[in-house]
Amino acid sequence: MTTNSTTKKPAMAESAMDGTESAPAHPARKAAADPDVVGPALPAGADPVAVTLAHHHTIDGTDYPPGAKLLVSPDYAHRLRGQGYATQS
C-alpha cells in the first residue's frame, strides 16, 4: 500500500468558493487635502518648512500632484529636496 506524502490544503470558506469575496489589491488612497504638516512629526521647537513638490508623491497614503505646496518638518524637507521630490527654492 502506498501513502501520499503531500499535505491536504485546508478547506476554503463558502464565501471564497462562490466568488463573492472581493478584497482590494491596494488600500484605498485619500485625496490630497490641505493638511497642516505632513510626513514625520516636527521635532520639539522646530517650525514647519513650506515645500513645493516637483514630482507626484504619496505621503502617508495620500497622493500629492506635482506643484502641491506642503508644510513639512525641516529634516523631511531636506530629504525631499535631496531625493528630487521637492523644488530647490
N, C-alpha and C. Protein backbone atom coordinates (compact mmCIF):
# COMPACT_ATOMS: atom_id res chain seq x y z
N MET A 1 0.84 -1.16 0.00
CA MET A 1 0.00 0.00 0.00
C MET A 1 0.89 1.23 0.00
N THR A 2 0.56 2.23 -0.85
CA THR A 2 1.36 3.46 -0.93
C THR A 2 0.68 4.56 -0.14
N THR A 3 1.50 5.47 0.33
CA THR A 3 0.95 6.60 1.07
C THR A 3 1.28 7.89 0.34
N ASN A 4 0.42 8.84 0.49
CA ASN A 4 0.61 10.14 -0.13
C ASN A 4 1.33 11.05 0.85
N SER A 5 2.49 11.58 0.47
CA SER A 5 3.29 12.39 1.38
C SER A 5 2.92 13.87 1.33
N THR A 6 2.01 14.26 0.45
CA THR A 6 1.62 15.67 0.38
C THR A 6 0.61 15.98 1.47
N THR A 7 0.61 17.23 1.92
CA THR A 7 -0.34 17.62 2.95
C THR A 7 -1.62 18.12 2.30
N LYS A 8 -2.71 17.93 2.99
CA LYS A 8 -4.00 18.35 2.49
C LYS A 8 -4.19 19.83 2.79
N LYS A 9 -4.64 20.59 1.79
CA LYS A 9 -4.89 22.00 1.97
C LYS A 9 -6.18 22.19 2.76
N PRO A 10 -6.23 23.22 3.62
CA PRO A 10 -7.46 23.45 4.38
C PRO A 10 -8.60 23.86 3.46
N ALA A 11 -9.81 23.52 3.84
CA ALA A 11 -10.99 23.85 3.05
C ALA A 11 -11.20 25.36 3.06
N MET A 12 -11.65 25.88 1.92
CA MET A 12 -11.90 27.32 1.81
C MET A 12 -13.27 27.65 2.37
N ALA A 13 -13.44 28.85 2.85
CA ALA A 13 -14.74 29.30 3.34
C ALA A 13 -15.72 29.36 2.18
N GLU A 14 -17.00 29.25 2.47
CA GLU A 14 -18.01 29.23 1.41
C GLU A 14 -18.01 30.52 0.60
N SER A 15 -17.83 31.67 1.26
CA SER A 15 -17.88 32.93 0.52
C SER A 15 -16.70 33.03 -0.45
N ALA A 16 -15.57 32.41 -0.11
CA ALA A 16 -14.42 32.44 -1.01
C ALA A 16 -14.64 31.51 -2.20
N MET A 17 -15.40 30.43 -1.98
CA MET A 17 -15.62 29.47 -3.06
C MET A 17 -16.62 29.99 -4.09
N ASP A 18 -17.61 30.76 -3.64
CA ASP A 18 -18.62 31.21 -4.59
C ASP A 18 -18.22 32.50 -5.31
N GLY A 19 -17.06 33.07 -4.97
CA GLY A 19 -16.54 34.22 -5.69
C GLY A 19 -17.11 35.55 -5.26
N THR A 20 -17.83 35.60 -4.12
CA THR A 20 -18.41 36.86 -3.70
C THR A 20 -17.44 37.71 -2.91
N GLU A 21 -16.36 37.13 -2.44
CA GLU A 21 -15.39 37.89 -1.65
C GLU A 21 -14.50 38.69 -2.59
N SER A 22 -14.39 39.99 -2.34
CA SER A 22 -13.55 40.82 -3.19
C SER A 22 -12.72 41.75 -2.32
N ALA A 23 -11.47 41.37 -2.10
CA ALA A 23 -10.56 42.20 -1.32
C ALA A 23 -9.80 43.11 -2.26
N PRO A 24 -9.66 44.39 -1.94
CA PRO A 24 -8.90 45.29 -2.83
C PRO A 24 -7.42 44.91 -2.83
N ALA A 25 -6.79 45.06 -4.00
CA ALA A 25 -5.38 44.72 -4.12
C ALA A 25 -4.51 45.72 -3.37
N HIS A 26 -4.92 46.98 -3.33
CA HIS A 26 -4.18 48.02 -2.64
C HIS A 26 -5.13 48.78 -1.73
N PRO A 27 -4.63 49.30 -0.63
CA PRO A 27 -5.54 50.09 0.22
C PRO A 27 -5.98 51.36 -0.50
N ALA A 28 -7.16 51.80 -0.19
CA ALA A 28 -7.70 53.00 -0.83
C ALA A 28 -6.87 54.21 -0.44
N ARG A 29 -6.58 55.06 -1.39
CA ARG A 29 -5.80 56.26 -1.12
C ARG A 29 -6.74 57.44 -0.96
N LYS A 30 -6.34 58.32 -0.08
CA LYS A 30 -7.14 59.51 0.17
C LYS A 30 -6.75 60.60 -0.81
N ALA A 31 -7.69 61.45 -1.14
CA ALA A 31 -7.39 62.60 -1.99
C ALA A 31 -6.60 63.62 -1.18
N ALA A 32 -5.74 64.36 -1.84
CA ALA A 32 -4.92 65.35 -1.16
C ALA A 32 -5.80 66.48 -0.63
N ALA A 33 -5.65 66.76 0.64
CA ALA A 33 -6.39 67.87 1.26
C ALA A 33 -5.37 68.94 1.66
N ASP A 34 -5.80 69.94 2.38
CA ASP A 34 -4.89 70.97 2.86
C ASP A 34 -4.50 70.66 4.31
N PRO A 35 -3.54 69.77 4.49
CA PRO A 35 -3.17 69.39 5.86
C PRO A 35 -2.25 70.44 6.48
N ASP A 36 -2.13 70.38 7.79
CA ASP A 36 -1.23 71.29 8.48
C ASP A 36 0.22 70.91 8.18
N VAL A 37 0.66 69.79 8.70
CA VAL A 37 2.03 69.30 8.48
C VAL A 37 1.93 67.84 8.09
N VAL A 38 2.58 67.47 6.99
CA VAL A 38 2.55 66.09 6.54
C VAL A 38 3.91 65.44 6.75
N GLY A 39 3.92 64.12 6.72
CA GLY A 39 5.18 63.40 6.88
C GLY A 39 5.51 63.20 8.35
N PRO A 40 6.80 63.00 8.63
CA PRO A 40 7.23 62.79 10.02
C PRO A 40 6.88 63.99 10.91
N ALA A 41 6.71 63.72 12.18
CA ALA A 41 6.34 64.77 13.13
C ALA A 41 7.46 65.79 13.28
N LEU A 42 7.06 67.00 13.62
CA LEU A 42 8.04 68.07 13.85
C LEU A 42 8.81 67.81 15.14
N PRO A 43 10.12 68.06 15.13
CA PRO A 43 10.86 67.99 16.39
C PRO A 43 10.41 69.12 17.32
N ALA A 44 10.63 68.95 18.58
CA ALA A 44 10.22 69.97 19.55
C ALA A 44 10.91 71.29 19.25
N GLY A 45 10.12 72.36 19.16
CA GLY A 45 10.65 73.69 18.94
C GLY A 45 10.95 74.04 17.49
N ALA A 46 10.76 73.11 16.55
CA ALA A 46 11.05 73.39 15.14
C ALA A 46 9.82 73.96 14.45
N ASP A 47 10.05 74.83 13.49
CA ASP A 47 8.96 75.40 12.69
C ASP A 47 8.84 74.61 11.39
N PRO A 48 7.61 74.41 10.88
CA PRO A 48 7.45 73.69 9.61
C PRO A 48 8.03 74.50 8.45
N VAL A 49 8.44 73.78 7.41
CA VAL A 49 9.02 74.39 6.22
C VAL A 49 8.07 74.14 5.06
N ALA A 50 7.83 75.16 4.24
CA ALA A 50 6.98 75.02 3.06
C ALA A 50 7.82 74.50 1.90
N VAL A 51 7.32 73.45 1.24
CA VAL A 51 7.99 72.90 0.06
C VAL A 51 6.98 72.78 -1.07
N THR A 52 7.46 72.84 -2.29
CA THR A 52 6.64 72.63 -3.48
C THR A 52 7.13 71.37 -4.15
N LEU A 53 6.24 70.42 -4.36
CA LEU A 53 6.64 69.15 -4.95
C LEU A 53 6.94 69.31 -6.43
N ALA A 54 8.02 68.68 -6.88
CA ALA A 54 8.41 68.71 -8.28
C ALA A 54 7.86 67.50 -9.02
N HIS A 55 7.52 66.43 -8.28
CA HIS A 55 7.02 65.19 -8.85
C HIS A 55 5.85 64.68 -8.02
N HIS A 56 5.07 63.79 -8.60
CA HIS A 56 3.98 63.14 -7.88
C HIS A 56 4.58 62.38 -6.71
N HIS A 57 3.96 62.47 -5.54
CA HIS A 57 4.49 61.80 -4.36
C HIS A 57 3.34 61.37 -3.47
N THR A 58 3.48 60.23 -2.80
CA THR A 58 2.49 59.74 -1.85
C THR A 58 3.11 59.79 -0.46
N ILE A 59 2.45 60.48 0.46
CA ILE A 59 2.92 60.59 1.83
C ILE A 59 1.80 60.11 2.74
N ASP A 60 2.08 59.12 3.55
CA ASP A 60 1.10 58.56 4.49
C ASP A 60 -0.20 58.15 3.79
N GLY A 61 -0.11 57.59 2.59
CA GLY A 61 -1.28 57.11 1.87
C GLY A 61 -2.07 58.18 1.15
N THR A 62 -1.58 59.41 1.11
CA THR A 62 -2.26 60.50 0.43
C THR A 62 -1.44 60.91 -0.79
N ASP A 63 -2.09 61.01 -1.94
CA ASP A 63 -1.42 61.39 -3.18
C ASP A 63 -1.33 62.91 -3.29
N TYR A 64 -0.14 63.38 -3.65
CA TYR A 64 0.09 64.80 -3.88
C TYR A 64 0.63 64.97 -5.29
N PRO A 65 -0.01 65.81 -6.12
CA PRO A 65 0.44 66.01 -7.50
C PRO A 65 1.63 66.96 -7.55
N PRO A 66 2.34 67.01 -8.67
CA PRO A 66 3.41 67.99 -8.82
C PRO A 66 2.86 69.40 -8.65
N GLY A 67 3.61 70.24 -7.97
CA GLY A 67 3.18 71.62 -7.73
C GLY A 67 2.45 71.81 -6.42
N ALA A 68 2.14 70.72 -5.71
CA ALA A 68 1.45 70.84 -4.43
C ALA A 68 2.38 71.50 -3.42
N LYS A 69 1.82 72.42 -2.63
CA LYS A 69 2.59 73.11 -1.61
C LYS A 69 2.26 72.47 -0.27
N LEU A 70 3.28 72.00 0.44
CA LEU A 70 3.09 71.28 1.70
C LEU A 70 3.92 71.91 2.80
N LEU A 71 3.47 71.73 4.03
CA LEU A 71 4.27 72.08 5.20
C LEU A 71 4.82 70.78 5.77
N VAL A 72 6.13 70.71 5.91
CA VAL A 72 6.79 69.51 6.42
C VAL A 72 7.85 69.91 7.44
N SER A 73 8.39 68.93 8.15
CA SER A 73 9.47 69.21 9.10
C SER A 73 10.73 69.57 8.33
N PRO A 74 11.65 70.32 8.94
CA PRO A 74 12.88 70.71 8.24
C PRO A 74 13.70 69.52 7.75
N ASP A 75 13.78 68.46 8.54
CA ASP A 75 14.54 67.28 8.13
C ASP A 75 13.89 66.61 6.92
N TYR A 76 12.56 66.51 6.94
CA TYR A 76 11.85 65.88 5.84
C TYR A 76 11.96 66.72 4.57
N ALA A 77 11.94 68.05 4.72
CA ALA A 77 12.12 68.93 3.56
C ALA A 77 13.50 68.71 2.94
N HIS A 78 14.51 68.57 3.78
CA HIS A 78 15.87 68.33 3.28
C HIS A 78 15.93 67.00 2.52
N ARG A 79 15.28 65.96 3.05
CA ARG A 79 15.27 64.66 2.37
C ARG A 79 14.51 64.73 1.05
N LEU A 80 13.36 65.41 1.03
CA LEU A 80 12.59 65.53 -0.20
C LEU A 80 13.37 66.26 -1.28
N ARG A 81 14.05 67.33 -0.88
CA ARG A 81 14.86 68.08 -1.86
C ARG A 81 16.03 67.25 -2.35
N GLY A 82 16.67 66.53 -1.46
CA GLY A 82 17.82 65.70 -1.83
C GLY A 82 17.44 64.57 -2.77
N GLN A 83 16.23 64.04 -2.65
CA GLN A 83 15.77 62.95 -3.50
C GLN A 83 15.10 63.45 -4.76
N GLY A 84 14.95 64.77 -4.91
CA GLY A 84 14.38 65.34 -6.12
C GLY A 84 12.88 65.44 -6.14
N TYR A 85 12.20 65.20 -5.01
CA TYR A 85 10.75 65.29 -4.97
C TYR A 85 10.26 66.72 -4.77
N ALA A 86 11.10 67.59 -4.19
CA ALA A 86 10.71 68.97 -3.95
C ALA A 86 11.65 69.90 -4.69
N THR A 87 11.13 71.06 -5.03
CA THR A 87 11.97 72.04 -5.73
C THR A 87 13.03 72.58 -4.78
N GLN A 88 14.11 73.09 -5.32
CA GLN A 88 15.23 73.55 -4.52
C GLN A 88 15.08 74.99 -4.04
N SER A 89 13.96 75.62 -4.28
CA SER A 89 13.81 77.04 -3.89
C SER A 89 13.57 77.20 -2.42
